[in-house]
Amino acid sequence: GLVQAGGSLRLSCAASGRTFSSYYMGWFRQ
């Protein structure tokens, strides 16, 4: 979303399936 400088946001990434714990996870930005 849109936030002022100095503010906060919390991003979530929901995964399907039952093998989530098998994966390394990363956040990228562009």
PDB file of all heavy atoms in Angstrom:
ATOM      1  N   GLY A   1       0.809  -1.202   0.000  1.00  0.00           N
ATOM      2  CA  GLY A   1       0.000   0.000   0.000  1.00  0.00           C
ATOM      3  C   GLY A   1       0.840   1.249   0.000  1.00  0.00           C
ATOM      4  O   GLY A   1       2.043   1.212  -0.258  1.00  0.00           O
ATOM      5  N   LEU A   2       0.187   2.363   0.295  1.00  0.00           N
ATOM      6  CA  LEU A   2       0.836   3.665   0.353  1.00  0.00           C
ATOM      7  C   LEU A   2       1.057   4.055   1.804  1.00  0.00           C
ATOM      8  O   LEU A   2       0.133   3.978   2.621  1.00  0.00           O
ATOM      9  CB  LEU A   2      -0.023   4.718  -0.349  1.00  0.00           C
ATOM     10  CG  LEU A   2       0.442   6.166  -0.271  1.00  0.00           C
ATOM     11  CD1 LEU A   2       1.773   6.338  -0.998  1.00  0.00           C
ATOM     12  CD2 LEU A   2      -0.620   7.083  -0.857  1.00  0.00           C
ATOM     13  N   VAL A   3       2.264   4.475   2.119  1.00  0.00           N
ATOM     14  CA  VAL A   3       2.599   4.845   3.481  1.00  0.00           C
ATOM     15  C   VAL A   3       3.547   6.040   3.468  1.00  0.00           C
ATOM     16  O   VAL A   3       4.319   6.225   2.523  1.00  0.00           O
ATOM     17  CB  VAL A   3       3.233   3.647   4.232  1.00  0.00           C
ATOM     18  CG1 VAL A   3       4.572   3.263   3.611  1.00  0.00           C
ATOM     19  CG2 VAL A   3       3.385   3.931   5.708  1.00  0.00           C
ATOM     20  N   GLN A   4       3.471   6.855   4.505  1.00  0.00           N
ATOM     21  CA  GLN A   4       4.376   7.987   4.654  1.00  0.00           C
ATOM     22  C   GLN A   4       5.757   7.519   5.077  1.00  0.00           C
ATOM     23  O   GLN A   4       5.904   6.487   5.738  1.00  0.00           O
ATOM     24  CB  GLN A   4       3.839   8.966   5.695  1.00  0.00           C
ATOM     25  CG  GLN A   4       2.569   9.688   5.313  1.00  0.00           C
ATOM     26  CD  GLN A   4       2.838  10.965   4.565  1.00  0.00           C
ATOM     27  OE1 GLN A   4       3.324  10.947   3.427  1.00  0.00           O
ATOM     28  NE2 GLN A   4       2.539  12.081   5.188  1.00  0.00           N
ATOM     29  N   ALA A   5       6.770   8.275   4.704  1.00  0.00           N
ATOM     30  CA  ALA A   5       8.121   7.972   5.156  1.00  0.00           C
ATOM     31  C   ALA A   5       8.161   7.880   6.677  1.00  0.00           C
ATOM     32  O   ALA A   5       7.576   8.708   7.373  1.00  0.00           O
ATOM     33  CB  ALA A   5       9.101   9.032   4.665  1.00  0.00           C
ATOM     34  N   GLY A   6       8.843   6.861   7.174  1.00  0.00           N
ATOM     35  CA  GLY A   6       8.898   6.612   8.598  1.00  0.00           C
ATOM     36  C   GLY A   6       7.827   5.670   9.104  1.00  0.00           C
ATOM     37  O   GLY A   6       7.889   5.218  10.249  1.00  0.00           O
ATOM     38  N   GLY A   7       6.871   5.350   8.257  1.00  0.00           N
ATOM     39  CA  GLY A   7       5.792   4.465   8.632  1.00  0.00           C
ATOM     40  C   GLY A   7       6.148   3.005   8.477  1.00  0.00           C
ATOM     41  O   GLY A   7       7.284   2.648   8.154  1.00  0.00           O
ATOM     42  N   SER A   8       5.149   2.145   8.686  1.00  0.00           N
ATOM     43  CA  SER A   8       5.360   0.703   8.669  1.00  0.00           C
ATOM     44  C   SER A   8       4.313  -0.004   7.826  1.00  0.00           C
ATOM     45  O   SER A   8       3.179   0.465   7.684  1.00  0.00           O
ATOM     46  CB  SER A   8       5.304   0.131  10.091  1.00  0.00           C
ATOM     47  OG  SER A   8       6.317   0.672  10.916  1.00  0.00           O
ATOM     48  N   LEU A   9       4.709  -1.143   7.272  1.00  0.00           N
ATOM     49  CA  LEU A   9       3.810  -2.049   6.586  1.00  0.00           C
ATOM     50  C   LEU A   9       4.225  -3.476   6.918  1.00  0.00           C
ATOM     51  O   LEU A   9       5.399  -3.739   7.174  1.00  0.00           O
ATOM     52  CB  LEU A   9       3.848  -1.865   5.071  1.00  0.00           C
ATOM     53  CG  LEU A   9       3.163  -0.650   4.462  1.00  0.00           C
ATOM     54  CD1 LEU A   9       3.480  -0.577   2.967  1.00  0.00           C
ATOM     55  CD2 LEU A   9       1.661  -0.711   4.679  1.00  0.00           C
ATOM     56  N   ARG A  10       3.268  -4.378   6.881  1.00  0.00           N
ATOM     57  CA  ARG A  10       3.551  -5.793   7.061  1.00  0.00           C
ATOM     58  C   ARG A  10       3.038  -6.563   5.858  1.00  0.00           C
ATOM     59  O   ARG A  10       1.827  -6.607   5.613  1.00  0.00           O
ATOM     60  CB  ARG A  10       2.898  -6.334   8.329  1.00  0.00           C
ATOM     61  CG  ARG A  10       3.325  -7.765   8.681  1.00  0.00           C
ATOM     62  CD  ARG A  10       2.413  -8.357   9.724  1.00  0.00           C
ATOM     63  NE  ARG A  10       2.942  -9.587  10.302  1.00  0.00           N
ATOM     64  CZ  ARG A  10       2.200 -10.503  10.906  1.00  0.00           C
ATOM     65  NH1 ARG A  10       0.900 -10.324  11.032  1.00  0.00           N
ATOM     66  NH2 ARG A  10       2.760 -11.588  11.408  1.00  0.00           N
ATOM     67  N   LEU A  11       3.949  -7.156   5.114  1.00  0.00           N
ATOM     68  CA  LEU A  11       3.590  -7.962   3.962  1.00  0.00           C
ATOM     69  C   LEU A  11       3.424  -9.416   4.375  1.00  0.00           C
ATOM     70  O   LEU A  11       4.146  -9.915   5.236  1.00  0.00           O
ATOM     71  CB  LEU A  11       4.654  -7.870   2.874  1.00  0.00           C
ATOM     72  CG  LEU A  11       5.043  -6.471   2.390  1.00  0.00           C
ATOM     73  CD1 LEU A  11       6.032  -6.580   1.235  1.00  0.00           C
ATOM     74  CD2 LEU A  11       3.815  -5.669   1.992  1.00  0.00           C
ATOM     75  N   SER A  12       2.478 -10.087   3.747  1.00  0.00           N
ATOM     76  CA  SER A  12       2.257 -11.506   3.973  1.00  0.00           C
ATOM     77  C   SER A  12       2.338 -12.256   2.655  1.00  0.00           C
ATOM     78  O   SER A  12       1.969 -11.721   1.610  1.00  0.00           O
ATOM     79  CB  SER A  12       0.887 -11.754   4.614  1.00  0.00           C
ATOM     80  OG  SER A  12       0.793 -11.143   5.878  1.00  0.00           O
ATOM     81  N   CYS A  13       2.811 -13.480   2.719  1.00  0.00           N
ATOM     82  CA  CYS A  13       2.868 -14.355   1.554  1.00  0.00           C
ATOM     83  C   CYS A  13       2.271 -15.685   1.953  1.00  0.00           C
ATOM     84  O   CYS A  13       2.873 -16.433   2.737  1.00  0.00           O
ATOM     85  CB  CYS A  13       4.306 -14.518   1.074  1.00  0.00           C
ATOM     86  SG  CYS A  13       4.515 -15.692  -0.277  1.00  0.00           S
ATOM     87  N   ALA A  14       1.096 -15.977   1.435  1.00  0.00           N
ATOM     88  CA  ALA A  14       0.401 -17.217   1.738  1.00  0.00           C
ATOM     89  C   ALA A  14       0.741 -18.270   0.695  1.00  0.00           C
ATOM     90  O   ALA A  14       0.663 -18.010  -0.504  1.00  0.00           O
ATOM     91  CB  ALA A  14      -1.104 -16.981   1.786  1.00  0.00           C
ATOM     92  N   ALA A  15       1.101 -19.454   1.154  1.00  0.00           N
ATOM     93  CA  ALA A  15       1.509 -20.547   0.272  1.00  0.00           C
ATOM     94  C   ALA A  15       0.486 -21.668   0.301  1.00  0.00           C
ATOM     95  O   ALA A  15      -0.054 -22.007   1.351  1.00  0.00           O
ATOM     96  CB  ALA A  15       2.875 -21.083   0.676  1.00  0.00           C
ATOM     97  N   SER A  16       0.246 -22.245  -0.849  1.00  0.00           N
ATOM     98  CA  SER A  16      -0.653 -23.387  -0.957  1.00  0.00           C
ATOM     99  C   SER A  16       0.114 -24.677  -0.731  1.00  0.00           C
ATOM    100  O   SER A  16       1.348 -24.709  -0.742  1.00  0.00           O
ATOM    101  CB  SER A  16      -1.325 -23.405  -2.323  1.00  0.00           C
ATOM    102  OG  SER A  16      -0.375 -23.620  -3.355  1.00  0.00           O
ATOM    103  N   GLY A  17      -0.619 -25.763  -0.543  1.00  0.00           N
ATOM    104  CA  GLY A  17      -0.008 -27.071  -0.407  1.00  0.00           C
ATOM    105  C   GLY A  17       0.447 -27.390   0.998  1.00  0.00           C
ATOM    106  O   GLY A  17       0.352 -26.565   1.914  1.00  0.00           O
ATOM    107  N   ARG A  18       1.000 -28.573   1.143  1.00  0.00           N
ATOM    108  CA  ARG A  18       1.444 -29.048   2.450  1.00  0.00           C
ATOM    109  C   ARG A  18       2.957 -29.196   2.549  1.00  0.00           C
ATOM    110  O   ARG A  18       3.453 -29.794   3.504  1.00  0.00           O
ATOM    111  CB  ARG A  18       0.768 -30.383   2.775  1.00  0.00           C
ATOM    112  CG  ARG A  18       1.073 -31.500   1.798  1.00  0.00           C
ATOM    113  CD  ARG A  18       0.357 -32.780   2.198  1.00  0.00           C
ATOM    114  NE  ARG A  18      -1.089 -32.672   2.066  1.00  0.00           N
ATOM    115  CZ  ARG A  18      -1.942 -33.638   2.391  1.00  0.00           C
ATOM    116  NH1 ARG A  18      -1.492 -34.790   2.866  1.00  0.00           N
ATOM    117  NH2 ARG A  18      -3.250 -33.455   2.236  1.00  0.00           N
ATOM    118  N   THR A  19       3.696 -28.660   1.594  1.00  0.00           N
ATOM    119  CA  THR A  19       5.147 -28.774   1.559  1.00  0.00           C
ATOM    120  C   THR A  19       5.855 -27.449   1.812  1.00  0.00           C
ATOM    121  O   THR A  19       7.039 -27.321   1.511  1.00  0.00           O
ATOM    122  CB  THR A  19       5.625 -29.354   0.218  1.00  0.00           C
ATOM    123  OG1 THR A  19       5.214 -28.503  -0.849  1.00  0.00           O
ATOM    124  CG2 THR A  19       5.057 -30.745   0.006  1.00  0.00           C
ATOM    125  N   PHE A  20       5.162 -26.479   2.379  1.00  0.00           N
ATOM    126  CA  PHE A  20       5.733 -25.154   2.590  1.00  0.00           C
ATOM    127  C   PHE A  20       7.024 -25.210   3.393  1.00  0.00           C
ATOM    128  O   PHE A  20       7.992 -24.506   3.085  1.00  0.00           O
ATOM    129  CB  PHE A  20       4.713 -24.254   3.285  1.00  0.00           C
ATOM    130  CG  PHE A  20       5.251 -22.901   3.665  1.00  0.00           C
ATOM    131  CD1 PHE A  20       5.455 -21.925   2.703  1.00  0.00           C
ATOM    132  CD2 PHE A  20       5.552 -22.602   4.987  1.00  0.00           C
ATOM    133  CE1 PHE A  20       5.939 -20.673   3.045  1.00  0.00           C
ATOM    134  CE2 PHE A  20       6.031 -21.359   5.338  1.00  0.00           C
ATOM    135  CZ  PHE A  20       6.224 -20.394   4.370  1.00  0.00           C
ATOM    136  N   SER A  21       7.060 -26.037   4.416  1.00  0.00           N
ATOM    137  CA  SER A  21       8.225 -26.098   5.286  1.00  0.00           C
ATOM    138  C   SER A  21       9.465 -26.647   4.590  1.00  0.00           C
ATOM    139  O   SER A  21      10.567 -26.546   5.134  1.00  0.00           O
ATOM    140  CB  SER A  21       7.921 -26.938   6.530  1.00  0.00           C
ATOM    141  OG  SER A  21       7.603 -28.275   6.177  1.00  0.00           O
ATOM    142  N   SER A  22       9.319 -27.219   3.401  1.00  0.00           N
ATOM    143  CA  SER A  22      10.447 -27.753   2.648  1.00  0.00           C
ATOM    144  C   SER A  22      11.214 -26.677   1.883  1.00  0.00           C
ATOM    145  O   SER A  22      12.295 -26.949   1.364  1.00  0.00           O
ATOM    146  CB  SER A  22       9.976 -28.821   1.662  1.00  0.00           C
ATOM    147  OG  SER A  22       9.385 -29.916   2.336  1.00  0.00           O
ATOM    148  N   TYR A  23      10.666 -25.477   1.794  1.00  0.00           N
ATOM    149  CA  TYR A  23      11.231 -24.440   0.949  1.00  0.00           C
ATOM    150  C   TYR A  23      11.957 -23.363   1.739  1.00  0.00           C
ATOM    151  O   TYR A  23      11.520 -22.950   2.816  1.00  0.00           O
ATOM    152  CB  TYR A  23      10.134 -23.773   0.118  1.00  0.00           C
ATOM    153  CG  TYR A  23       9.520 -24.678  -0.918  1.00  0.00           C
ATOM    154  CD1 TYR A  23       8.346 -25.364  -0.645  1.00  0.00           C
ATOM    155  CD2 TYR A  23      10.118 -24.836  -2.158  1.00  0.00           C
ATOM    156  CE1 TYR A  23       7.785 -26.200  -1.593  1.00  0.00           C
ATOM    157  CE2 TYR A  23       9.561 -25.668  -3.107  1.00  0.00           C
ATOM    158  CZ  TYR A  23       8.391 -26.348  -2.824  1.00  0.00           C
ATOM    159  OH  TYR A  23       7.836 -27.168  -3.769  1.00  0.00           O
ATOM    160  N   TYR A  24      13.061 -22.910   1.165  1.00  0.00           N
ATOM    161  CA  TYR A  24      13.648 -21.650   1.560  1.00  0.00           C
ATOM    162  C   TYR A  24      12.787 -20.545   0.946  1.00  0.00           C
ATOM    163  O   TYR A  24      12.316 -20.665  -0.187  1.00  0.00           O
ATOM    164  CB  TYR A  24      15.078 -21.520   1.056  1.00  0.00           C
ATOM    165  CG  TYR A  24      16.022 -22.547   1.623  1.00  0.00           C
ATOM    166  CD1 TYR A  24      16.118 -23.826   1.071  1.00  0.00           C
ATOM    167  CD2 TYR A  24      16.830 -22.240   2.710  1.00  0.00           C
ATOM    168  CE1 TYR A  24      16.985 -24.765   1.592  1.00  0.00           C
ATOM    169  CE2 TYR A  24      17.704 -23.177   3.237  1.00  0.00           C
ATOM    170  CZ  TYR A  24      17.776 -24.437   2.670  1.00  0.00           C
ATOM    171  OH  TYR A  24      18.647 -25.372   3.187  1.00  0.00           O
ATOM    172  N   MET A  25      12.596 -19.463   1.677  1.00  0.00           N
ATOM    173  CA  MET A  25      11.738 -18.383   1.213  1.00  0.00           C
ATOM    174  C   MET A  25      12.515 -17.075   1.121  1.00  0.00           C
ATOM    175  O   MET A  25      13.451 -16.835   1.886  1.00  0.00           O
ATOM    176  CB  MET A  25      10.542 -18.192   2.143  1.00  0.00           C
ATOM    177  CG  MET A  25       9.666 -19.432   2.299  1.00  0.00           C
ATOM    178  SD  MET A  25       8.895 -19.947   0.740  1.00  0.00           S
ATOM    179  CE  MET A  25       7.871 -18.507   0.387  1.00  0.00           C
ATOM    180  N   GLY A  26      12.099 -16.246   0.189  1.00  0.00           N
ATOM    181  CA  GLY A  26      12.743 -14.949   0.030  1.00  0.00           C
ATOM    182  C   GLY A  26      11.762 -13.863  -0.351  1.00  0.00           C
ATOM    183  O   GLY A  26      10.696 -14.137  -0.904  1.00  0.00           O
ATOM    184  N   TRP A  27      12.134 -12.646  -0.016  1.00  0.00           N
ATOM    185  CA  TRP A  27      11.424 -11.459  -0.481  1.00  0.00           C
ATOM    186  C   TRP A  27      12.345 -10.686  -1.418  1.00  0.00           C
ATOM    187  O   TRP A  27      13.498 -10.403  -1.068  1.00  0.00           O
ATOM    188  CB  TRP A  27      10.994 -10.553   0.670  1.00  0.00           C
ATOM    189  CG  TRP A  27       9.831 -11.053   1.461  1.00  0.00           C
ATOM    190  CD1 TRP A  27       9.853 -11.716   2.638  1.00  0.00           C
ATOM    191  CD2 TRP A  27       8.446 -10.895   1.117  1.00  0.00           C
ATOM    192  NE1 TRP A  27       8.584 -11.994   3.062  1.00  0.00           N
ATOM    193  CE2 TRP A  27       7.705 -11.506   2.154  1.00  0.00           C
ATOM    194  CE3 TRP A  27       7.768 -10.307   0.052  1.00  0.00           C
ATOM    195  CZ2 TRP A  27       6.309 -11.546   2.150  1.00  0.00           C
ATOM    196  CZ3 TRP A  27       6.393 -10.348   0.043  1.00  0.00           C
ATOM    197  CH2 TRP A  27       5.674 -10.956   1.077  1.00  0.00           C
ATOM    198  N   PHE A  28      11.844 -10.365  -2.585  1.00  0.00           N
ATOM    199  CA  PHE A  28      12.551  -9.579  -3.576  1.00  0.00           C
ATOM    200  C   PHE A  28      11.757  -8.316  -3.859  1.00  0.00           C
ATOM    201  O   PHE A  28      10.560  -8.244  -3.595  1.00  0.00           O
ATOM    202  CB  PHE A  28      12.738 -10.370  -4.872  1.00  0.00           C
ATOM    203  CG  PHE A  28      13.652 -11.560  -4.749  1.00  0.00           C
ATOM    204  CD1 PHE A  28      13.237 -12.711  -4.095  1.00  0.00           C
ATOM    205  CD2 PHE A  28      14.920 -11.523  -5.287  1.00  0.00           C
ATOM    206  CE1 PHE A  28      14.064 -13.811  -3.983  1.00  0.00           C
ATOM    207  CE2 PHE A  28      15.769 -12.617  -5.189  1.00  0.00           C
ATOM    208  CZ  PHE A  28      15.346 -13.756  -4.535  1.00  0.00           C
ATOM    209  N   ARG A  29      12.420  -7.324  -4.421  1.00  0.00           N
ATOM    210  CA  ARG A  29      11.710  -6.117  -4.823  1.00  0.00           C
ATOM    211  C   ARG A  29      12.276  -5.587  -6.127  1.00  0.00           C
ATOM    212  O   ARG A  29      13.444  -5.789  -6.452  1.00  0.00           O
ATOM    213  CB  ARG A  29      11.771  -5.040  -3.731  1.00  0.00           C
ATOM    214  CG  ARG A  29      13.156  -4.465  -3.473  1.00  0.00           C
ATOM    215  CD  ARG A  29      13.100  -3.489  -2.302  1.00  0.00           C
ATOM    216  NE  ARG A  29      14.393  -2.897  -2.023  1.00  0.00           N
ATOM    217  CZ  ARG A  29      14.638  -2.099  -0.993  1.00  0.00           C
ATOM    218  NH1 ARG A  29      13.660  -1.796  -0.137  1.00  0.00           N
ATOM    219  NH2 ARG A  29      15.850  -1.598  -0.815  1.00  0.00           N
ATOM    220  N   GLN A  30      11.426  -4.899  -6.861  1.00  0.00           N
ATOM    221  CA  GLN A  30      11.828  -4.321  -8.131  1.00  0.00           C
ATOM    222  C   GLN A  30      11.188  -2.951  -8.287  1.00  0.00           C
ATOM    223  O   GLN A  30       9.963  -2.827  -8.333  1.00  0.00           O
ATOM    224  CB  GLN A  30      11.428  -5.225  -9.296  1.00  0.00           C
ATOM    225  CG  GLN A  30      11.969  -4.761 -10.635  1.00  0.00           C
ATOM    226  CD  GLN A  30      11.842  -5.826 -11.704  1.00  0.00           C
ATOM    227  OE1 GLN A  30      11.007  -6.722 -11.606  1.00  0.00           O
ATOM    228  NE2 GLN A  30      12.677  -5.736 -12.723  1.00  0.00           N
TER     229      GLN A  30
END
